[in-house]
Every structure is written in C-alpha cells, then in structure tokens.
Amino acid sequence: MTTKLSVDEKYMRQALRLARRGLGKTSPNPMVGAVIVKDGRVIGQGYHHFFGGNHAEVDAINNATEDISGATMYVTLEPCCHHGKTPPCVDAIIRAKIGKVVTGTLDPYPEMRGKSLKILKQHGIVTSVGVLEKECRALNDAYLKYTTTGMPFVTVKFAQTLDGRIATASGASRWISSPESRKLAHRLRTHHDAILVGIGTVLADDPELTVRLVRGRNPTRIILDSKLRVPLEARVLADQETARTLVTATPTADKDKLTALRKMGIEVLTVPPDAQGRVDVSELLKILAQRQISSVLVEGGGEIITSFLRLGLADKLVVFIAPKILGRGTDSVGELNITDISKTLKLSFERVYRSGEDIVVEARVEAG
C-alpha cells in the first residue's frame, strides 16, 4: 500500500530532486533545492548549481514566472543568514516578500542552527521545519559530517566475488565486476572530492584514478605511500592539469624520490606515522578537511580497506558483489581483531540493487 504524500512532502520531494542536480559540484557547500508555490502552482524553482554560484533560494526567486509575494518557498536546507561567497539568502527572501518558508532540515553550520528561521519570523514570515527531514539530511551526508566534526565523509568502495575475494592469489583483479558496475564506480568518483588508494594498488594495477566512463569532475587523487615507492612514470602522476595528485608519505621517506616528485610538480604531503610506521590516516583526514575536502572515496586494496574499517574511519560502504566464486585469493577485508560476535562492525543497509550481473550493497557503518 502506498502512503499519500502531504502537500508539503510533495513539494519538498520536488526540491530534493532539484538539489540532486548539484551532486559533485557544490562541495564543500551543501546541495540545496528550492520550490516556490503560489495558489497551488509552482511558479519558481532552483538549486545550488556549483560552489560559489547562487544558492537555491536565490536561483528559484530569479526563475519565478510571476510575482512571488505571499508565496510559499520549500527549501531542503535552512536558508543562510551569513555573508560567504554570496549574500545571505534570508535577505533575498525578505525582499521578495515570501509569505512562508518550509524547510527540510536545519543547517548545523555554527553561524546558522536555526538563526535564519528566527530572522524570518521577526519579519512576519511563517516558518516550518522538519518536512522529509531524514531524506534532506541524507542528501548532504558529507556536508553534515564535515560541518559538525571537521572530518571528511568516507565511503569505502570495492568489488568482490561472492566468496569475498577482491583478487586472485597472484593479485589479478581485472575484471571482477561487470561493465555496468565499473561505469557506476566512475560515477561514484565524480560525487567525491578525493579518491584514495594505497601504494600497493598503484604498483599492482597502475591505475589512472580519473573519471572516464561518465561525464563529471575528476576528484583529487591521493596515494598512501609511506616510503615513496611510487614509480615516476605511474599513470596516477600524469595529467596534473585535469586531475591533481597528492602523494602522502612519512618523514622517513626517500628524500631523492621526494625531490624528484616535487620537480615533476607533484605535491608530496608529509604526515606523521602511525604505530606501524605508515601514514597515519586519521591525521591525514584532518589535514584533508582543512583543505576543504569534505568527502573521500577509498578504493582499496584490502590492506587499506581493512585499516579504515579497523580504525572506525569509514562512514559508508559500497560493495559490488559479482556472481563468481574464486576460492583462494585476496580477502576484501582482513584481520579486524574481533573475537566476539557482539563486537562485530554493524551495518545498516541503505540500498541493495542490481548493476549488470552484479549486486550492489550500499550500507552505513553504525557508530560503535
């Protein structure tokens, strides 16, 4: 049985659809959609197209086909009330004499947190918050985490056989997943600010880590390479004009290789080591957040996947499961030092669907 949507939910869903058009283009700002309704008719709609561009509310006002005084605006996220790259949206709403503003969720940004709605109320504008709040918050997982914790949202993605292998015993992994899944994986890259792999993946596969099978931006390419073993001819170091690469190493890394990489125009970031002498990924994530990288896609291999899971740094998993049995090979997830079933990492499935011949599982990693 389907549940009939309320009027508010109907228009908020429309605003959510608009907001999604900004996917992969607005970071570190959120994706936002807005719909203006008057006398039961949509007379204006807009969304945040790209970072630094007009916000959704202003876009909707500018696109209005008639006088919007007294109309109701539906917006997925609380309108801004502070000066940033653009003027405050509350000022535009007040000038336009909007009669009511229905908001999906509050903005956790320190200068916001309900302040905008108070300002609107002071100007006689009716406000409402919480319509489809769960959906509106889910739309901006990365922004909400980045804003509230100062850390990027981390998605761990890998393709495995049904028996949990990401490669053969000899290291061969092309191709476990279907062509449709590989295309989907490239789309996933466009949705993140950065893509991260370990030096093992670079040495074994020589990947480009760019977006090729779909249209979209290239994320910053990050290589965990404690000792700077990356070959200077590696494909991930090419085309810095279209896809920037950041190599991360520890202070004990090869100094000659460091000099050579920097002469090539490759940025090498020195990060303190962890207890095993490898790049401390927790510290790295903090540094990335300071650089306004709000989302990171981790593409493995197994050691990196395991590390992020063991340290509790993964927020979401996207797993492509191929209808194949490999037997002996490389496990997708290694030792997590869990000996008690009650201490297992708990997941909440968000979506399970088909991609070509594969099954895709999208799941949130629940906080321990």
Protein backbone atom coordinates (compact mmCIF):
# COMPACT_ATOMS: atom_id res chain seq x y z
CA MET A 1 0.00 0.00 0.00
CA THR A 2 1.37 3.42 -0.91
CA THR A 3 1.07 6.35 1.50
CA LYS A 4 -0.39 9.53 0.12
CA LEU A 5 2.04 12.42 0.36
CA SER A 6 1.02 15.61 2.10
CA VAL A 7 1.20 18.83 0.09
CA ASP A 8 4.36 19.84 1.93
CA GLU A 9 6.01 16.46 1.23
CA LYS A 10 5.06 16.66 -2.43
CA TYR A 11 6.85 19.95 -2.97
CA MET A 12 9.79 19.01 -0.73
CA ARG A 13 10.35 15.92 -2.87
CA GLN A 14 10.47 18.19 -5.90
CA ALA A 15 13.02 20.36 -4.10
CA LEU A 16 15.09 17.27 -3.30
CA ARG A 17 15.11 16.22 -6.97
CA LEU A 18 16.35 19.66 -7.92
CA ALA A 19 19.03 19.62 -5.22
CA ARG A 20 20.49 16.36 -6.55
CA ARG A 21 21.38 18.12 -9.80
CA GLY A 22 24.23 19.73 -7.88
CA LEU A 23 25.76 16.38 -6.93
CA GLY A 24 29.53 16.56 -7.15
CA LYS A 25 29.54 20.29 -7.96
CA THR A 26 28.83 22.23 -4.75
CA SER A 27 31.39 20.89 -2.24
CA PRO A 28 32.28 21.97 0.38
CA ASN A 29 28.88 23.64 0.33
CA PRO A 30 25.71 21.53 0.55
CA MET A 31 23.34 20.53 -2.23
CA VAL A 32 20.10 22.50 -1.89
CA GLY A 33 16.89 22.71 -3.88
CA ALA A 34 14.05 25.23 -3.63
CA VAL A 35 10.49 25.39 -4.99
CA ILE A 36 8.16 28.39 -4.82
CA VAL A 37 4.41 27.67 -4.75
CA LYS A 38 1.52 30.11 -5.03
CA ASP A 39 -2.18 29.24 -5.18
CA GLY A 40 -1.30 25.57 -5.65
CA ARG A 41 1.02 26.23 -8.60
CA VAL A 42 4.80 26.04 -8.87
CA ILE A 43 5.92 29.48 -10.02
CA GLY A 44 9.64 29.20 -9.38
CA GLN A 45 12.29 26.58 -8.76
CA GLY A 46 16.04 26.44 -8.45
CA TYR A 47 19.03 24.70 -6.95
CA HIS A 48 22.65 25.34 -5.98
CA HIS A 49 24.44 24.70 -9.28
CA PHE A 50 28.07 24.95 -8.18
CA PHE A 51 30.31 26.18 -5.36
CA GLY A 52 30.33 29.97 -5.43
CA GLY A 53 27.16 30.23 -7.52
CA ASN A 54 23.74 31.48 -6.47
CA HIS A 55 22.13 29.49 -3.71
CA ALA A 56 18.93 27.56 -4.42
CA GLU A 57 16.64 30.16 -2.85
CA VAL A 58 18.01 32.99 -4.99
CA ASP A 59 18.00 30.76 -8.08
CA ALA A 60 14.32 29.96 -7.51
CA ILE A 61 13.44 33.62 -6.95
CA ASN A 62 15.28 34.62 -10.13
CA ASN A 63 13.43 31.91 -12.08
CA ALA A 64 9.97 32.87 -10.85
CA THR A 65 7.43 33.36 -13.59
CA GLU A 66 5.21 35.81 -11.66
CA ASP A 67 5.02 37.93 -8.53
CA ILE A 68 6.05 35.77 -5.55
CA SER A 69 4.84 37.97 -2.70
CA GLY A 70 2.86 35.86 -0.24
CA ALA A 71 4.04 32.59 -1.83
CA THR A 72 5.43 29.57 0.00
CA MET A 73 9.03 28.53 -0.50
CA TYR A 74 10.07 24.90 0.04
CA VAL A 75 13.80 24.52 0.62
CA THR A 76 15.71 21.36 1.58
CA LEU A 77 18.12 23.13 3.96
CA GLU A 78 17.77 26.15 6.20
CA PRO A 79 18.45 29.35 4.20
CA CYS A 80 21.77 31.02 5.02
CA CYS A 81 21.89 34.21 7.04
CA HIS A 82 25.60 34.99 6.83
CA HIS A 83 27.84 36.51 4.20
CA GLY A 84 30.00 33.97 2.36
CA LYS A 85 30.70 33.76 -1.36
CA THR A 86 27.15 35.09 -1.83
CA PRO A 87 24.90 37.44 0.21
CA PRO A 88 22.53 35.95 2.83
CA CYS A 89 19.53 34.14 1.33
CA VAL A 90 17.26 35.37 4.13
CA ASP A 91 17.71 38.92 2.82
CA ALA A 92 16.53 37.87 -0.66
CA ILE A 93 13.54 36.01 0.83
CA ILE A 94 12.53 39.03 2.91
CA ARG A 95 12.88 41.41 -0.04
CA ALA A 96 10.76 39.11 -2.20
CA LYS A 97 8.01 39.20 0.47
CA ILE A 98 7.72 35.41 0.63
CA GLY A 99 4.87 34.53 2.97
CA LYS A 100 6.02 31.16 4.28
CA VAL A 101 9.24 29.11 4.26
CA VAL A 102 9.06 25.33 4.70
CA THR A 103 12.49 23.84 5.47
CA GLY A 104 13.58 20.22 5.33
CA THR A 105 16.28 20.43 7.98
CA LEU A 106 18.32 22.94 9.94
CA ASP A 107 21.86 23.82 8.88
CA PRO A 108 24.41 22.73 11.52
CA TYR A 109 26.89 25.37 10.38
CA PRO A 110 27.95 27.31 13.53
CA GLU A 111 26.57 30.62 12.24
CA MET A 112 23.21 29.03 11.46
CA ARG A 113 21.49 26.33 13.54
CA GLY A 114 18.02 27.87 13.33
CA LYS A 115 19.12 31.50 13.35
CA SER A 116 17.74 32.10 9.86
CA LEU A 117 14.26 30.94 10.82
CA LYS A 118 14.28 33.32 13.79
CA ILE A 119 15.16 36.21 11.47
CA LEU A 120 12.38 35.24 9.05
CA LYS A 121 9.85 35.07 11.90
CA GLN A 122 10.92 38.52 13.06
CA HIS A 123 9.92 39.80 9.60
CA GLY A 124 6.49 38.20 9.76
CA ILE A 125 7.33 35.18 7.61
CA VAL A 126 5.76 31.90 8.72
CA THR A 127 8.30 29.09 9.10
CA SER A 128 8.13 25.32 9.33
CA VAL A 129 10.97 22.80 9.66
CA GLY A 130 11.29 19.02 9.52
CA VAL A 131 9.43 18.07 6.33
CA LEU A 132 11.15 14.93 4.95
CA GLU A 133 13.99 15.69 7.33
CA LYS A 134 15.55 12.24 7.07
CA GLU A 135 15.77 12.48 3.27
CA CYS A 136 17.05 16.06 3.39
CA ARG A 137 19.79 15.13 5.84
CA ALA A 138 20.78 12.03 3.86
CA LEU A 139 21.21 14.19 0.77
CA ASN A 140 24.06 16.05 2.47
CA ASP A 141 25.79 13.35 4.49
CA ALA A 142 29.22 14.71 3.60
CA TYR A 143 28.38 18.33 4.37
CA LEU A 144 26.75 17.49 7.70
CA LYS A 145 29.69 15.41 8.92
CA TYR A 146 32.28 17.88 7.62
CA THR A 147 30.48 20.79 9.29
CA THR A 148 29.85 19.13 12.65
CA THR A 149 33.09 17.15 13.10
CA GLY A 150 35.68 18.83 10.89
CA MET A 151 36.33 15.47 9.19
CA PRO A 152 35.53 14.27 5.65
CA PHE A 153 32.78 11.75 4.97
CA VAL A 154 34.49 8.49 3.99
CA THR A 155 32.99 5.98 1.57
CA VAL A 156 34.80 2.66 1.15
CA LYS A 157 34.15 1.05 -2.24
CA PHE A 158 35.27 -2.33 -3.52
CA ALA A 159 34.28 -5.10 -5.91
CA GLN A 160 34.43 -8.68 -4.73
CA THR A 161 33.41 -12.20 -5.66
CA LEU A 162 30.57 -13.86 -3.78
CA ASP A 163 33.13 -15.55 -1.52
CA GLY A 164 34.69 -12.22 -0.56
CA ARG A 165 37.79 -12.01 -2.78
CA ILE A 166 38.99 -8.82 -4.45
CA ALA A 167 41.82 -10.51 -6.39
CA THR A 168 43.33 -13.87 -7.18
CA ALA A 169 46.22 -15.26 -5.14
CA SER A 170 48.57 -13.77 -7.75
CA GLY A 171 46.93 -10.34 -7.42
CA ALA A 172 44.88 -10.25 -10.65
CA SER A 173 41.61 -8.34 -10.22
CA ARG A 174 40.52 -7.24 -13.71
CA TRP A 175 37.67 -7.58 -14.04
CA ILE A 176 35.70 -8.90 -11.08
CA SER A 177 32.76 -6.56 -11.61
CA SER A 178 30.57 -6.05 -14.68
CA PRO A 179 30.94 -3.19 -17.21
CA GLU A 180 27.78 -1.61 -15.74
CA SER A 181 29.32 -1.67 -12.27
CA ARG A 182 32.56 -0.13 -13.49
CA LYS A 183 30.58 2.71 -15.01
CA LEU A 184 28.73 3.16 -11.74
CA ALA A 185 32.06 3.22 -9.89
CA HIS A 186 33.24 6.06 -12.13
CA ARG A 187 30.05 7.97 -11.38
CA LEU A 188 30.76 7.47 -7.71
CA ARG A 189 34.15 9.11 -8.23
CA THR A 190 32.50 12.25 -9.60
CA HIS A 191 30.50 12.56 -6.37
CA HIS A 192 33.56 12.78 -4.12
CA ASP A 193 36.20 15.44 -3.58
CA ALA A 194 39.03 12.92 -3.38
CA ILE A 195 39.80 9.29 -4.20
CA LEU A 196 42.31 7.37 -2.08
CA VAL A 197 44.32 4.20 -2.69
CA GLY A 198 47.46 2.64 -1.24
CA ILE A 199 50.78 2.27 -2.97
CA GLY A 200 50.08 -1.46 -3.35
CA THR A 201 47.22 -0.71 -5.74
CA VAL A 202 49.41 1.69 -7.74
CA LEU A 203 52.21 -0.87 -8.07
CA ALA A 204 49.87 -3.74 -8.95
CA ASP A 205 47.40 -2.05 -11.30
CA ASP A 206 48.96 1.29 -12.40
CA PRO A 207 45.51 2.98 -12.28
CA GLU A 208 44.71 6.46 -13.58
CA LEU A 209 42.05 7.09 -10.91
CA THR A 210 40.26 9.54 -13.19
CA VAL A 211 36.66 9.76 -14.40
CA ARG A 212 36.40 8.30 -17.89
CA LEU A 213 33.24 6.22 -18.30
CA VAL A 214 30.86 9.05 -17.37
CA ARG A 215 30.90 12.83 -17.55
CA GLY A 216 31.97 14.66 -14.43
CA ARG A 217 34.81 16.19 -12.49
CA ASN A 218 37.96 14.35 -11.51
CA PRO A 219 38.50 14.01 -7.77
CA THR A 220 41.85 14.77 -6.18
CA ARG A 221 43.92 11.57 -6.33
CA ILE A 222 45.52 10.61 -3.01
CA ILE A 223 48.20 7.93 -2.72
CA LEU A 224 49.20 6.46 0.65
CA ASP A 225 52.91 5.86 0.10
CA SER A 226 54.84 5.89 3.37
CA LYS A 227 58.25 5.19 1.80
CA LEU A 228 57.66 6.91 -1.58
CA ARG A 229 57.81 3.79 -3.74
CA VAL A 230 55.59 5.27 -6.47
CA PRO A 231 57.24 4.98 -9.93
CA LEU A 232 57.81 8.34 -11.56
CA GLU A 233 56.16 7.02 -14.74
CA ALA A 234 52.99 5.87 -12.91
CA ARG A 235 49.79 6.93 -14.70
CA VAL A 236 48.41 8.43 -11.50
CA LEU A 237 51.12 11.09 -11.71
CA ALA A 238 50.16 12.16 -15.24
CA ASP A 239 47.69 14.82 -16.41
CA GLN A 240 48.01 17.04 -13.35
CA GLU A 241 46.17 19.80 -15.25
CA THR A 242 42.95 17.77 -15.26
CA ALA A 243 43.38 15.60 -12.13
CA ARG A 244 45.58 16.67 -9.26
CA THR A 245 47.56 14.05 -7.33
CA LEU A 246 48.58 14.26 -3.69
CA VAL A 247 51.19 11.73 -2.55
CA THR A 248 51.31 11.22 1.22
CA ALA A 249 54.45 9.93 2.92
CA THR A 250 56.11 9.77 6.33
CA PRO A 251 59.15 11.86 7.39
CA THR A 252 61.46 8.85 6.79
CA ALA A 253 60.54 8.57 3.10
CA ASP A 254 63.21 8.56 0.39
CA LYS A 255 64.49 12.14 0.07
CA ASP A 256 65.72 11.74 -3.51
CA LYS A 257 62.29 10.47 -4.60
CA LEU A 258 60.69 13.36 -2.73
CA THR A 259 62.81 15.85 -4.68
CA ALA A 260 62.08 14.12 -7.99
CA LEU A 261 58.34 14.14 -7.42
CA ARG A 262 58.30 17.80 -6.50
CA LYS A 263 60.32 18.65 -9.61
CA MET A 264 57.54 16.96 -11.59
CA GLY A 265 55.02 19.28 -9.96
CA ILE A 266 53.59 16.55 -7.72
CA GLU A 267 52.63 17.67 -4.24
CA VAL A 268 54.04 15.40 -1.53
CA LEU A 269 52.47 15.74 1.89
CA THR A 270 54.44 14.54 4.89
CA VAL A 271 52.16 13.01 7.52
CA PRO A 272 53.17 11.67 10.95
CA PRO A 273 53.47 7.88 11.06
CA ASP A 274 51.19 5.51 12.95
CA ALA A 275 52.45 2.78 15.31
CA GLN A 276 53.43 0.63 12.31
CA GLY A 277 55.40 3.44 10.66
CA ARG A 278 52.82 4.00 7.92
CA VAL A 279 50.95 7.21 7.10
CA ASP A 280 48.54 7.92 9.95
CA VAL A 281 45.25 8.04 8.04
CA SER A 282 43.39 9.67 10.94
CA GLU A 283 45.80 12.61 10.83
CA LEU A 284 45.61 12.65 7.04
CA LEU A 285 41.82 13.01 7.11
CA LYS A 286 42.13 16.01 9.42
CA ILE A 287 44.58 17.64 7.01
CA LEU A 288 42.30 16.94 4.05
CA ALA A 289 39.37 18.57 5.85
CA GLN A 290 41.49 21.68 6.42
CA ARG A 291 41.89 21.77 2.63
CA GLN A 292 38.07 21.77 2.23
CA ILE A 293 37.95 18.15 1.10
CA SER A 294 34.64 17.06 2.61
CA SER A 295 34.31 13.59 1.05
CA VAL A 296 36.78 10.82 0.31
CA LEU A 297 36.23 7.66 -1.74
CA VAL A 298 38.52 4.85 -0.60
CA GLU A 299 39.13 2.31 -3.36
CA GLY A 300 41.46 -0.09 -1.57
CA GLY A 301 43.10 -2.54 -1.80
CA GLY A 302 42.49 -4.96 1.02
CA GLU A 303 45.02 -3.53 3.47
CA ILE A 304 43.64 -0.01 3.10
CA ILE A 305 40.02 -1.17 3.31
CA THR A 306 40.80 -3.12 6.48
CA SER A 307 42.67 -0.18 8.01
CA PHE A 308 39.77 2.24 7.55
CA LEU A 309 37.31 -0.28 8.99
CA ARG A 310 39.54 -1.23 11.93
CA LEU A 311 40.12 2.42 12.86
CA GLY A 312 36.42 3.29 12.61
CA LEU A 313 37.04 5.85 9.86
CA ALA A 314 34.53 4.51 7.30
CA ASP A 315 31.07 6.08 7.20
CA LYS A 316 29.65 4.13 4.29
CA LEU A 317 30.36 1.01 2.24
CA VAL A 318 29.55 0.49 -1.43
CA VAL A 319 30.23 -3.14 -2.31
CA PHE A 320 29.86 -4.65 -5.78
CA ILE A 321 29.30 -8.39 -5.42
CA ALA A 322 29.94 -10.40 -8.59
CA PRO A 323 28.27 -13.79 -9.15
CA LYS A 324 31.63 -15.52 -9.10
CA ILE A 325 33.47 -17.90 -6.79
CA LEU A 326 37.24 -17.56 -6.69
CA GLY A 327 38.35 -19.67 -3.77
CA ARG A 328 41.88 -18.88 -2.66
CA GLY A 329 42.71 -15.23 -3.21
CA THR A 330 42.93 -11.80 -1.58
CA ASP A 331 40.27 -11.11 1.03
CA SER A 332 38.33 -7.86 0.67
CA VAL A 333 38.55 -7.33 4.43
CA GLY A 334 41.41 -8.65 6.53
CA GLU A 335 42.03 -9.02 10.25
CA LEU A 336 39.94 -6.69 12.42
CA ASN A 337 40.91 -8.34 15.72
CA ILE A 338 37.29 -9.18 16.53
CA THR A 339 36.82 -12.31 18.64
CA ASP A 340 33.32 -11.67 19.97
CA ILE A 341 30.25 -11.64 17.70
CA SER A 342 28.79 -8.81 19.78
CA LYS A 343 31.78 -6.64 18.79
CA THR A 344 31.31 -7.01 15.02
CA LEU A 345 31.06 -3.92 12.86
CA LYS A 346 27.35 -3.29 12.45
CA LEU A 347 25.90 -2.04 9.17
CA SER A 348 22.55 -0.61 8.19
CA PHE A 349 21.66 -1.29 4.58
CA GLU A 350 20.55 1.79 2.63
CA ARG A 351 20.15 0.23 -0.81
CA VAL A 352 20.56 -3.19 -2.41
CA TYR A 353 20.17 -3.32 -6.19
CA ARG A 354 21.38 -4.88 -9.43
CA SER A 355 24.11 -3.48 -11.65
CA GLY A 356 24.50 -5.60 -14.73
CA GLU A 357 25.08 -9.12 -13.41
CA ASP A 358 26.30 -7.82 -10.02
CA ILE A 359 24.54 -6.98 -6.78
CA VAL A 360 25.40 -3.64 -5.19
CA VAL A 361 25.09 -3.12 -1.44
CA GLU A 362 25.17 0.41 -0.03
CA ALA A 363 25.38 0.41 3.76
CA ARG A 364 26.12 2.83 6.57
CA VAL A 365 28.68 1.82 9.16
CA GLU A 366 27.00 2.31 12.50
CA ALA A 367 28.94 4.10 15.22
CA GLY A 368 30.43 1.71 17.74
